[in-house]
Amino acid sequence: MLPRLLIATAVAAERDAVLAGLGGATVLPDPLAPNAAEVTVVEVGVGPTQAAAGTSREIAVAIADSAPYQAVICAGIAGAYPGRARIGDIVVATASVAADLGAESPGGFIPVDELGFGVSRFAADPTLFPPQAGAISGEILSVSTATGTAETCAALTTRYPGAVAEAMEGFGVATAAAQQGLPFAEVRAISNLVGPRDTASWRFDLALAALTRTFSIQGVA
């Protein structure tokens, strides 16, 4: 039996962009295996909670069917922090970070791990989705509320100087993968710059096209 790779996306448009890059293939070259892996692309829902639940369900069903996954990739679009990536860029996570999971205090934000209640980041496996030429590597923040002000953008980039982008699902998908001991990666195509909310400047089309290209370049189409 071939190793199995799960690719989790938030919404159907992201799923379809990945599938377009794969060219309809269900078997593809895999850096985790000497030959190939069977791939499944699944829409798991928006936000960390839905993403964790949807990914966990998919992993559990695969185990029940005696066809478990060997690795998980979270793929989709994201917002870039100004000066750290541009619209159309591909960002590959070094870690997925729960940026707003914790507590406020007079001295500032306290991450949940510093409170002693779990973890706030999962390191990505660098061999699972090696960055292509031109791709940007860095932390990808997972937020429950998309940033829409300059003040919040500044606070996050100060708190997480290694962050290059934000999205909403990576930490949830990573949590589900970690519970089963599976390697994890997160790859994002940039659709907008983080800051004051300006939907007129968002370029979902460019980001989805970039997502398709990056999965094609990985040698699977």
Foldseek 3Di string as FASTA:
>chain_A
DFAEEEEEEADDLLLVLLCLLLVVDQWFCFLVDPGIYGYDYYHQHFFLVSLLVSLLVVQVVCVVVVRHHQAYEYEEAWAWAPPQDDALAKEKEQKEFAQQDADADPVGGDHPVNVVHDDGMDGADCSGQPDDVRHHYFYEYAYRDAAAAQVVSVVSCVVGVRHTTYGGHQVSNVVSCVVVPHGYIYMHGYQYHHHHDDVVRGHRPSRSNSSSNSSNVVGND
